[in-house]
Full PDB file with SEQRES, HELIX, SHEET, SSBOND, CRYST1, ORIGX, SCALE, CONECT and MASTER records, all heavy atoms in Angstrom:
SEQRES   1 A   36  ASP GLN ASP PRO CYS GLU ASN GLU PHE GLY GLU ILE ALA          
SEQRES   2 A   36  GLU ARG LEU ARG SER ASP LEU LEU ARG LEU VAL ALA ILE          
SEQRES   3 A   36  ALA ASN ALA ALA GLY ASP ARG ASP ALA GLN                      
HELIX    1 AA1 GLU A    6  GLU A    8  5                                   3    
HELIX    2 AA2 PHE A    9  ALA A   30  1                                  22    
CRYST1    1.000    1.000    1.000  90.00  90.00  90.00 P 1           1          
ORIGX1      1.000000  0.000000  0.000000        0.00000                         
ORIGX2      0.000000  1.000000  0.000000        0.00000                         
ORIGX3      0.000000  0.000000  1.000000        0.00000                         
SCALE1      1.000000  0.000000  0.000000        0.00000                         
SCALE2      0.000000  1.000000  0.000000        0.00000                         
SCALE3      0.000000  0.000000  1.000000        0.00000                         
ATOM      1  N   ASP A   1      -7.592  16.199  -4.619  1.00  0.00           N  
ATOM      2  CA  ASP A   1      -8.792  16.843  -5.154  1.00  0.00           C  
ATOM      3  C   ASP A   1      -9.211  16.314  -6.523  1.00  0.00           C  
ATOM      4  O   ASP A   1     -10.377  16.380  -6.879  1.00  0.00           O  
ATOM      5  CB  ASP A   1      -8.567  18.357  -5.257  1.00  0.00           C  
ATOM      6  CG  ASP A   1      -8.402  19.005  -3.891  1.00  0.00           C  
ATOM      7  OD1 ASP A   1      -8.924  18.439  -2.907  1.00  0.00           O  
ATOM      8  OD2 ASP A   1      -7.750  20.054  -3.810  1.00  0.00           O  
ATOM      9  N   GLN A   2      -8.271  15.809  -7.303  1.00  0.00           N  
ATOM     10  CA  GLN A   2      -8.581  15.390  -8.664  1.00  0.00           C  
ATOM     11  C   GLN A   2      -8.457  13.883  -8.794  1.00  0.00           C  
ATOM     12  O   GLN A   2      -7.461  13.288  -8.375  1.00  0.00           O  
ATOM     13  CB  GLN A   2      -7.632  16.079  -9.643  1.00  0.00           C  
ATOM     14  CG  GLN A   2      -7.979  15.840 -11.082  1.00  0.00           C  
ATOM     15  CD  GLN A   2      -7.092  16.681 -11.995  1.00  0.00           C  
ATOM     16  OE1 GLN A   2      -6.288  17.473 -11.534  1.00  0.00           O  
ATOM     17  NE2 GLN A   2      -7.252  16.491 -13.288  1.00  0.00           N  
ATOM     18  N   ASP A   3      -9.474  13.263  -9.409  1.00  0.00           N  
ATOM     19  CA  ASP A   3      -9.444  11.823  -9.643  1.00  0.00           C  
ATOM     20  C   ASP A   3      -8.390  11.498 -10.700  1.00  0.00           C  
ATOM     21  O   ASP A   3      -8.226  12.240 -11.675  1.00  0.00           O  
ATOM     22  CB  ASP A   3     -10.798  11.312 -10.130  1.00  0.00           C  
ATOM     23  CG  ASP A   3     -11.876  11.403  -9.066  1.00  0.00           C  
ATOM     24  OD1 ASP A   3     -11.526  11.561  -7.883  1.00  0.00           O  
ATOM     25  OD2 ASP A   3     -13.069  11.310  -9.430  1.00  0.00           O  
ATOM     26  N   PRO A   4      -7.688  10.382 -10.532  1.00  0.00           N  
ATOM     27  CA  PRO A   4      -6.740   9.975 -11.568  1.00  0.00           C  
ATOM     28  C   PRO A   4      -7.487   9.507 -12.818  1.00  0.00           C  
ATOM     29  O   PRO A   4      -8.679   9.172 -12.761  1.00  0.00           O  
ATOM     30  CB  PRO A   4      -5.974   8.820 -10.920  1.00  0.00           C  
ATOM     31  CG  PRO A   4      -6.877   8.302  -9.861  1.00  0.00           C  
ATOM     32  CD  PRO A   4      -7.714   9.460  -9.401  1.00  0.00           C  
ATOM     33  N   CYS A   5      -6.788   9.469 -13.930  1.00  0.00           N  
ATOM     34  CA  CYS A   5      -7.377   8.984 -15.178  1.00  0.00           C  
ATOM     35  C   CYS A   5      -7.638   7.488 -15.064  1.00  0.00           C  
ATOM     36  O   CYS A   5      -6.852   6.750 -14.462  1.00  0.00           O  
ATOM     37  CB  CYS A   5      -6.439   9.242 -16.353  1.00  0.00           C  
ATOM     38  SG  CYS A   5      -6.135  10.983 -16.661  1.00  0.00           S  
ATOM     39  N   GLU A   6      -8.720   7.056 -15.665  1.00  0.00           N  
ATOM     40  CA  GLU A   6      -9.102   5.648 -15.591  1.00  0.00           C  
ATOM     41  C   GLU A   6      -8.023   4.734 -16.172  1.00  0.00           C  
ATOM     42  O   GLU A   6      -7.817   3.626 -15.676  1.00  0.00           O  
ATOM     43  CB  GLU A   6     -10.427   5.428 -16.323  1.00  0.00           C  
ATOM     44  CG  GLU A   6     -11.004   4.056 -16.140  1.00  0.00           C  
ATOM     45  CD  GLU A   6     -12.373   3.899 -16.766  1.00  0.00           C  
ATOM     46  OE1 GLU A   6     -13.020   4.910 -17.088  1.00  0.00           O  
ATOM     47  OE2 GLU A   6     -12.794   2.739 -16.927  1.00  0.00           O  
ATOM     48  N   ASN A   7      -7.313   5.199 -17.200  1.00  0.00           N  
ATOM     49  CA  ASN A   7      -6.288   4.343 -17.803  1.00  0.00           C  
ATOM     50  C   ASN A   7      -5.067   4.170 -16.884  1.00  0.00           C  
ATOM     51  O   ASN A   7      -4.184   3.370 -17.182  1.00  0.00           O  
ATOM     52  CB  ASN A   7      -5.864   4.867 -19.178  1.00  0.00           C  
ATOM     53  CG  ASN A   7      -5.219   6.244 -19.127  1.00  0.00           C  
ATOM     54  OD1 ASN A   7      -5.241   6.914 -18.092  1.00  0.00           O  
ATOM     55  ND2 ASN A   7      -4.667   6.659 -20.235  1.00  0.00           N  
ATOM     56  N   GLU A   8      -5.002   4.888 -15.765  1.00  0.00           N  
ATOM     57  CA  GLU A   8      -3.915   4.755 -14.792  1.00  0.00           C  
ATOM     58  C   GLU A   8      -4.287   3.861 -13.612  1.00  0.00           C  
ATOM     59  O   GLU A   8      -3.450   3.573 -12.760  1.00  0.00           O  
ATOM     60  CB  GLU A   8      -3.529   6.136 -14.253  1.00  0.00           C  
ATOM     61  CG  GLU A   8      -2.987   7.081 -15.288  1.00  0.00           C  
ATOM     62  CD  GLU A   8      -2.743   8.474 -14.726  1.00  0.00           C  
ATOM     63  OE1 GLU A   8      -3.212   8.775 -13.604  1.00  0.00           O  
ATOM     64  OE2 GLU A   8      -2.091   9.259 -15.419  1.00  0.00           O  
ATOM     65  N   PHE A   9      -5.542   3.412 -13.563  1.00  0.00           N  
ATOM     66  CA  PHE A   9      -6.006   2.639 -12.410  1.00  0.00           C  
ATOM     67  C   PHE A   9      -5.165   1.392 -12.149  1.00  0.00           C  
ATOM     68  O   PHE A   9      -4.830   1.090 -11.014  1.00  0.00           O  
ATOM     69  CB  PHE A   9      -7.474   2.244 -12.583  1.00  0.00           C  
ATOM     70  CG  PHE A   9      -8.463   3.357 -12.348  1.00  0.00           C  
ATOM     71  CD1 PHE A   9      -8.066   4.658 -12.084  1.00  0.00           C  
ATOM     72  CD2 PHE A   9      -9.823   3.089 -12.394  1.00  0.00           C  
ATOM     73  CE1 PHE A   9      -8.984   5.675 -11.881  1.00  0.00           C  
ATOM     74  CE2 PHE A   9     -10.757   4.097 -12.178  1.00  0.00           C  
ATOM     75  CZ  PHE A   9     -10.338   5.382 -11.922  1.00  0.00           C  
ATOM     76  N   GLY A  10      -4.821   0.652 -13.190  1.00  0.00           N  
ATOM     77  CA  GLY A  10      -4.047  -0.580 -13.008  1.00  0.00           C  
ATOM     78  C   GLY A  10      -2.681  -0.312 -12.406  1.00  0.00           C  
ATOM     79  O   GLY A  10      -2.250  -1.006 -11.478  1.00  0.00           O  
ATOM     80  N   GLU A  11      -2.004   0.701 -12.918  1.00  0.00           N  
ATOM     81  CA  GLU A  11      -0.673   1.061 -12.404  1.00  0.00           C  
ATOM     82  C   GLU A  11      -0.768   1.533 -10.953  1.00  0.00           C  
ATOM     83  O   GLU A  11       0.050   1.149 -10.104  1.00  0.00           O  
ATOM     84  CB  GLU A  11      -0.058   2.163 -13.263  1.00  0.00           C  
ATOM     85  CG  GLU A  11       1.274   2.651 -12.738  1.00  0.00           C  
ATOM     86  CD  GLU A  11       1.737   3.937 -13.411  1.00  0.00           C  
ATOM     87  OE1 GLU A  11       1.260   4.252 -14.516  1.00  0.00           O  
ATOM     88  OE2 GLU A  11       2.574   4.624 -12.801  1.00  0.00           O  
ATOM     89  N   ILE A  12      -1.774   2.346 -10.675  1.00  0.00           N  
ATOM     90  CA  ILE A  12      -1.953   2.855  -9.303  1.00  0.00           C  
ATOM     91  C   ILE A  12      -2.244   1.706  -8.348  1.00  0.00           C  
ATOM     92  O   ILE A  12      -1.706   1.664  -7.234  1.00  0.00           O  
ATOM     93  CB  ILE A  12      -3.072   3.919  -9.263  1.00  0.00           C  
ATOM     94  CG1 ILE A  12      -2.630   5.163 -10.043  1.00  0.00           C  
ATOM     95  CG2 ILE A  12      -3.433   4.267  -7.834  1.00  0.00           C  
ATOM     96  CD1 ILE A  12      -3.758   6.163 -10.289  1.00  0.00           C  
ATOM     97  N   ALA A  13      -3.079   0.759  -8.791  1.00  0.00           N  
ATOM     98  CA  ALA A  13      -3.399  -0.397  -7.940  1.00  0.00           C  
ATOM     99  C   ALA A  13      -2.137  -1.182  -7.601  1.00  0.00           C  
ATOM    100  O   ALA A  13      -1.938  -1.584  -6.450  1.00  0.00           O  
ATOM    101  CB  ALA A  13      -4.421  -1.291  -8.633  1.00  0.00           C  
ATOM    102  N   GLU A  14      -1.271  -1.389  -8.583  1.00  0.00           N  
ATOM    103  CA  GLU A  14      -0.021  -2.116  -8.332  1.00  0.00           C  
ATOM    104  C   GLU A  14       0.886  -1.356  -7.371  1.00  0.00           C  
ATOM    105  O   GLU A  14       1.509  -1.951  -6.495  1.00  0.00           O  
ATOM    106  CB  GLU A  14       0.701  -2.411  -9.649  1.00  0.00           C  
ATOM    107  CG  GLU A  14       0.044  -3.497 -10.462  1.00  0.00           C  
ATOM    108  CD  GLU A  14      -0.203  -4.774  -9.662  1.00  0.00           C  
ATOM    109  OE1 GLU A  14       0.735  -5.282  -9.009  1.00  0.00           O  
ATOM    110  OE2 GLU A  14      -1.351  -5.257  -9.668  1.00  0.00           O  
ATOM    111  N   ARG A  15       0.972  -0.042  -7.538  1.00  0.00           N  
ATOM    112  CA  ARG A  15       1.797   0.759  -6.618  1.00  0.00           C  
ATOM    113  C   ARG A  15       1.256   0.658  -5.199  1.00  0.00           C  
ATOM    114  O   ARG A  15       2.032   0.495  -4.244  1.00  0.00           O  
ATOM    115  CB  ARG A  15       1.837   2.221  -7.069  1.00  0.00           C  
ATOM    116  CG  ARG A  15       2.720   2.451  -8.267  1.00  0.00           C  
ATOM    117  CD  ARG A  15       3.046   3.911  -8.526  1.00  0.00           C  
ATOM    118  NE  ARG A  15       2.135   4.899  -8.024  1.00  0.00           N  
ATOM    119  CZ  ARG A  15       1.445   5.754  -8.785  1.00  0.00           C  
ATOM    120  NH1 ARG A  15       1.533   5.727 -10.089  1.00  0.00           N  
ATOM    121  NH2 ARG A  15       0.659   6.651  -8.218  1.00  0.00           N  
ATOM    122  N   LEU A  16      -0.070   0.766  -5.039  1.00  0.00           N  
ATOM    123  CA  LEU A  16      -0.655   0.701  -3.700  1.00  0.00           C  
ATOM    124  C   LEU A  16      -0.485  -0.691  -3.090  1.00  0.00           C  
ATOM    125  O   LEU A  16      -0.235  -0.816  -1.885  1.00  0.00           O  
ATOM    126  CB  LEU A  16      -2.124   1.108  -3.734  1.00  0.00           C  
ATOM    127  CG  LEU A  16      -2.379   2.589  -3.995  1.00  0.00           C  
ATOM    128  CD1 LEU A  16      -3.862   2.849  -4.226  1.00  0.00           C  
ATOM    129  CD2 LEU A  16      -1.861   3.453  -2.861  1.00  0.00           C  
ATOM    130  N   ARG A  17      -0.619  -1.736  -3.895  1.00  0.00           N  
ATOM    131  CA  ARG A  17      -0.378  -3.097  -3.387  1.00  0.00           C  
ATOM    132  C   ARG A  17       1.066  -3.225  -2.907  1.00  0.00           C  
ATOM    133  O   ARG A  17       1.338  -3.814  -1.867  1.00  0.00           O  
ATOM    134  CB  ARG A  17      -0.686  -4.129  -4.463  1.00  0.00           C  
ATOM    135  CG  ARG A  17      -2.153  -4.373  -4.669  1.00  0.00           C  
ATOM    136  CD  ARG A  17      -2.404  -5.529  -5.643  1.00  0.00           C  
ATOM    137  NE  ARG A  17      -3.815  -5.655  -5.898  1.00  0.00           N  
ATOM    138  CZ  ARG A  17      -4.414  -5.248  -7.021  1.00  0.00           C  
ATOM    139  NH1 ARG A  17      -3.711  -4.710  -7.995  1.00  0.00           N  
ATOM    140  NH2 ARG A  17      -5.719  -5.402  -7.153  1.00  0.00           N  
ATOM    141  N   SER A  18       1.982  -2.683  -3.691  1.00  0.00           N  
ATOM    142  CA  SER A  18       3.398  -2.707  -3.316  1.00  0.00           C  
ATOM    143  C   SER A  18       3.635  -1.900  -2.035  1.00  0.00           C  
ATOM    144  O   SER A  18       4.399  -2.324  -1.154  1.00  0.00           O  
ATOM    145  CB  SER A  18       4.225  -2.136  -4.465  1.00  0.00           C  
ATOM    146  OG  SER A  18       5.570  -2.033  -4.108  1.00  0.00           O  
ATOM    147  N   ASP A  19       2.966  -0.743  -1.922  1.00  0.00           N  
ATOM    148  CA  ASP A  19       3.089   0.081  -0.717  1.00  0.00           C  
ATOM    149  C   ASP A  19       2.590  -0.681   0.510  1.00  0.00           C  
ATOM    150  O   ASP A  19       3.233  -0.669   1.567  1.00  0.00           O  
ATOM    151  CB  ASP A  19       2.302   1.384  -0.866  1.00  0.00           C  
ATOM    152  CG  ASP A  19       2.841   2.283  -1.974  1.00  0.00           C  
ATOM    153  OD1 ASP A  19       3.982   2.077  -2.432  1.00  0.00           O  
ATOM    154  OD2 ASP A  19       2.090   3.199  -2.390  1.00  0.00           O  
ATOM    155  N   LEU A  20       1.442  -1.338   0.362  1.00  0.00           N  
ATOM    156  CA  LEU A  20       0.904  -2.123   1.481  1.00  0.00           C  
ATOM    157  C   LEU A  20       1.863  -3.243   1.855  1.00  0.00           C  
ATOM    158  O   LEU A  20       2.117  -3.477   3.041  1.00  0.00           O  
ATOM    159  CB  LEU A  20      -0.467  -2.702   1.120  1.00  0.00           C  
ATOM    160  CG  LEU A  20      -1.651  -1.756   1.236  1.00  0.00           C  
ATOM    161  CD1 LEU A  20      -2.916  -2.405   0.706  1.00  0.00           C  
ATOM    162  CD2 LEU A  20      -1.857  -1.326   2.688  1.00  0.00           C  
ATOM    163  N   LEU A  21       2.404  -3.922   0.861  1.00  0.00           N  
ATOM    164  CA  LEU A  21       3.338  -5.011   1.122  1.00  0.00           C  
ATOM    165  C   LEU A  21       4.562  -4.506   1.885  1.00  0.00           C  
ATOM    166  O   LEU A  21       5.022  -5.141   2.834  1.00  0.00           O  
ATOM    167  CB  LEU A  21       3.753  -5.662  -0.195  1.00  0.00           C  
ATOM    168  CG  LEU A  21       4.598  -6.911  -0.104  1.00  0.00           C  
ATOM    169  CD1 LEU A  21       3.852  -8.016   0.630  1.00  0.00           C  
ATOM    170  CD2 LEU A  21       4.994  -7.378  -1.490  1.00  0.00           C  
ATOM    171  N   ARG A  22       5.060  -3.349   1.504  1.00  0.00           N  
ATOM    172  CA  ARG A  22       6.234  -2.771   2.183  1.00  0.00           C  
ATOM    173  C   ARG A  22       5.916  -2.435   3.634  1.00  0.00           C  
ATOM    174  O   ARG A  22       6.681  -2.738   4.542  1.00  0.00           O  
ATOM    175  CB  ARG A  22       6.688  -1.513   1.444  1.00  0.00           C  
ATOM    176  CG  ARG A  22       7.765  -0.753   2.172  1.00  0.00           C  
ATOM    177  CD  ARG A  22       8.997  -0.579   1.346  1.00  0.00           C  
ATOM    178  NE  ARG A  22      10.082  -0.025   2.130  1.00  0.00           N  
ATOM    179  CZ  ARG A  22      10.387   1.260   2.178  1.00  0.00           C  
ATOM    180  NH1 ARG A  22       9.746   2.126   1.450  1.00  0.00           N  
ATOM    181  NH2 ARG A  22      11.382   1.660   2.930  1.00  0.00           N  
ATOM    182  N   LEU A  23       4.762  -1.796   3.874  1.00  0.00           N  
ATOM    183  CA  LEU A  23       4.397  -1.430   5.241  1.00  0.00           C  
ATOM    184  C   LEU A  23       4.131  -2.662   6.094  1.00  0.00           C  
ATOM    185  O   LEU A  23       4.485  -2.698   7.280  1.00  0.00           O  
ATOM    186  CB  LEU A  23       3.192  -0.492   5.232  1.00  0.00           C  
ATOM    187  CG  LEU A  23       3.448   0.882   4.608  1.00  0.00           C  
ATOM    188  CD1 LEU A  23       2.149   1.689   4.537  1.00  0.00           C  
ATOM    189  CD2 LEU A  23       4.514   1.643   5.361  1.00  0.00           C  
ATOM    190  N   VAL A  24       3.515  -3.682   5.502  1.00  0.00           N  
ATOM    191  CA  VAL A  24       3.282  -4.937   6.225  1.00  0.00           C  
ATOM    192  C   VAL A  24       4.624  -5.563   6.605  1.00  0.00           C  
ATOM    193  O   VAL A  24       4.812  -6.026   7.737  1.00  0.00           O  
ATOM    194  CB  VAL A  24       2.425  -5.913   5.375  1.00  0.00           C  
ATOM    195  CG1 VAL A  24       2.463  -7.320   5.945  1.00  0.00           C  
ATOM    196  CG2 VAL A  24       0.993  -5.408   5.273  1.00  0.00           C  
ATOM    197  N   ALA A  25       5.570  -5.558   5.686  1.00  0.00           N  
ATOM    198  CA  ALA A  25       6.897  -6.117   5.965  1.00  0.00           C  
ATOM    199  C   ALA A  25       7.593  -5.350   7.085  1.00  0.00           C  
ATOM    200  O   ALA A  25       8.226  -5.950   7.958  1.00  0.00           O  
ATOM    201  CB  ALA A  25       7.750  -6.103   4.696  1.00  0.00           C  
ATOM    202  N   ILE A  26       7.456  -4.030   7.083  1.00  0.00           N  
ATOM    203  CA  ILE A  26       8.060  -3.212   8.142  1.00  0.00           C  
ATOM    204  C   ILE A  26       7.437  -3.557   9.490  1.00  0.00           C  
ATOM    205  O   ILE A  26       8.140  -3.758  10.477  1.00  0.00           O  
ATOM    206  CB  ILE A  26       7.906  -1.708   7.827  1.00  0.00           C  
ATOM    207  CG1 ILE A  26       8.801  -1.315   6.658  1.00  0.00           C  
ATOM    208  CG2 ILE A  26       8.212  -0.853   9.059  1.00  0.00           C  
ATOM    209  CD1 ILE A  26       8.546   0.073   6.107  1.00  0.00           C  
ATOM    210  N   ALA A  27       6.110  -3.638   9.535  1.00  0.00           N  
ATOM    211  CA  ALA A  27       5.421  -3.958  10.789  1.00  0.00           C  
ATOM    212  C   ALA A  27       5.803  -5.351  11.274  1.00  0.00           C  
ATOM    213  O   ALA A  27       6.060  -5.551  12.470  1.00  0.00           O  
ATOM    214  CB  ALA A  27       3.909  -3.849  10.603  1.00  0.00           C  
ATOM    215  N   ASN A  28       5.863  -6.313  10.362  1.00  0.00           N  
ATOM    216  CA  ASN A  28       6.220  -7.682  10.754  1.00  0.00           C  
ATOM    217  C   ASN A  28       7.671  -7.762  11.222  1.00  0.00           C  
ATOM    218  O   ASN A  28       7.970  -8.439  12.203  1.00  0.00           O  
ATOM    219  CB  ASN A  28       5.975  -8.646   9.598  1.00  0.00           C  
ATOM    220  CG  ASN A  28       4.502  -8.921   9.384  1.00  0.00           C  
ATOM    221  OD1 ASN A  28       3.692  -8.814  10.288  1.00  0.00           O  
ATOM    222  ND2 ASN A  28       4.149  -9.269   8.163  1.00  0.00           N  
ATOM    223  N   ALA A  29       8.572  -7.078  10.536  1.00  0.00           N  
ATOM    224  CA  ALA A  29       9.987  -7.103  10.926  1.00  0.00           C  
ATOM    225  C   ALA A  29      10.192  -6.472  12.294  1.00  0.00           C  
ATOM    226  O   ALA A  29      11.050  -6.902  13.056  1.00  0.00           O  
ATOM    227  CB  ALA A  29      10.832  -6.378   9.881  1.00  0.00           C  
ATOM    228  N   ALA A  30       9.379  -5.460  12.608  1.00  0.00           N  
ATOM    229  CA  ALA A  30       9.497  -4.794  13.904  1.00  0.00           C  
ATOM    230  C   ALA A  30       8.824  -5.591  15.013  1.00  0.00           C  
ATOM    231  O   ALA A  30       8.990  -5.282  16.184  1.00  0.00           O  
ATOM    232  CB  ALA A  30       8.881  -3.394  13.828  1.00  0.00           C  
ATOM    233  N   GLY A  31       8.052  -6.616  14.634  1.00  0.00           N  
ATOM    234  CA  GLY A  31       7.353  -7.414  15.632  1.00  0.00           C  
ATOM    235  C   GLY A  31       6.255  -6.639  16.335  1.00  0.00           C  
ATOM    236  O   GLY A  31       5.939  -6.901  17.491  1.00  0.00           O  
ATOM    237  N   ASP A  32       5.673  -5.686  15.622  1.00  0.00           N  
ATOM    238  CA  ASP A  32       4.640  -4.835  16.218  1.00  0.00           C  
ATOM    239  C   ASP A  32       3.415  -5.668  16.574  1.00  0.00           C  
ATOM    240  O   ASP A  32       2.840  -6.337  15.726  1.00  0.00           O  
ATOM    241  CB  ASP A  32       4.260  -3.714  15.244  1.00  0.00           C  
ATOM    242  CG  ASP A  32       3.507  -2.584  15.929  1.00  0.00           C  
ATOM    243  OD1 ASP A  32       2.834  -2.847  16.935  1.00  0.00           O  
ATOM    244  OD2 ASP A  32       3.614  -1.453  15.462  1.00  0.00           O  
ATOM    245  N   ARG A  33       3.005  -5.649  17.830  1.00  0.00           N  
ATOM    246  CA  ARG A  33       1.845  -6.401  18.312  1.00  0.00           C  
ATOM    247  C   ARG A  33       0.710  -5.477  18.732  1.00  0.00           C  
ATOM    248  O   ARG A  33      -0.198  -5.881  19.433  1.00  0.00           O  
ATOM    249  CB  ARG A  33       2.240  -7.307  19.480  1.00  0.00           C  
ATOM    250  CG  ARG A  33       3.227  -8.368  19.082  1.00  0.00           C  
ATOM    251  CD  ARG A  33       2.556  -9.388  18.174  1.00  0.00           C  
ATOM    252  NE  ARG A  33       3.570 -10.120  17.444  1.00  0.00           N  
ATOM    253  CZ  ARG A  33       3.526 -10.349  16.151  1.00  0.00           C  
ATOM    254  NH1 ARG A  33       2.554  -9.899  15.417  1.00  0.00           N  
ATOM    255  NH2 ARG A  33       4.473 -11.031  15.561  1.00  0.00           N  
ATOM    256  N   ASP A  34       0.768  -4.228  18.312  1.00  0.00           N  
ATOM    257  CA  ASP A  34      -0.294  -3.276  18.587  1.00  0.00           C  
ATOM    258  C   ASP A  34      -1.589  -3.793  17.966  1.00  0.00           C  
ATOM    259  O   ASP A  34      -1.610  -4.207  16.803  1.00  0.00           O  
ATOM    260  CB  ASP A  34       0.094  -1.915  17.989  1.00  0.00           C  
ATOM    261  CG  ASP A  34      -0.975  -0.861  18.190  1.00  0.00           C  
ATOM    262  OD1 ASP A  34      -1.116  -0.382  19.334  1.00  0.00           O  
ATOM    263  OD2 ASP A  34      -1.670  -0.538  17.205  1.00  0.00           O  
ATOM    264  N   ALA A  35      -2.680  -3.781  18.742  1.00  0.00           N  
ATOM    265  CA  ALA A  35      -3.950  -4.332  18.259  1.00  0.00           C  
ATOM    266  C   ALA A  35      -4.440  -3.616  17.003  1.00  0.00           C  
ATOM    267  O   ALA A  35      -4.942  -4.257  16.070  1.00  0.00           O  
ATOM    268  CB  ALA A  35      -5.002  -4.245  19.364  1.00  0.00           C  
ATOM    269  N   GLN A  36      -4.286  -2.313  16.958  1.00  0.00           N  
ATOM    270  CA  GLN A  36      -4.741  -1.566  15.787  1.00  0.00           C  
ATOM    271  C   GLN A  36      -3.893  -1.907  14.561  1.00  0.00           C  
ATOM    272  O   GLN A  36      -4.412  -2.068  13.458  1.00  0.00           O  
ATOM    273  CB  GLN A  36      -4.708  -0.069  16.059  1.00  0.00           C  
ATOM    274  CG  GLN A  36      -5.373   0.748  14.971  1.00  0.00           C  
ATOM    275  CD  GLN A  36      -5.473   2.227  15.351  1.00  0.00           C  
ATOM    276  OE1 GLN A  36      -5.208   2.609  16.484  1.00  0.00           O  
ATOM    277  NE2 GLN A  36      -5.857   3.031  14.387  1.00  0.00           N  
TER     278      GLN A  36                                                      
MASTER        0    0    0    2    0    0    0    6  277    1    0    3          
END                                                                             
């Protein structure tokens, strides 16, 4: 419900990039070929 402070945007972006990288690694390691 509440927007984060603008001075936290850089840190949040790095965390989300790291989160995406982790999930991508999990999907690739599992060999998931689901189209979605």
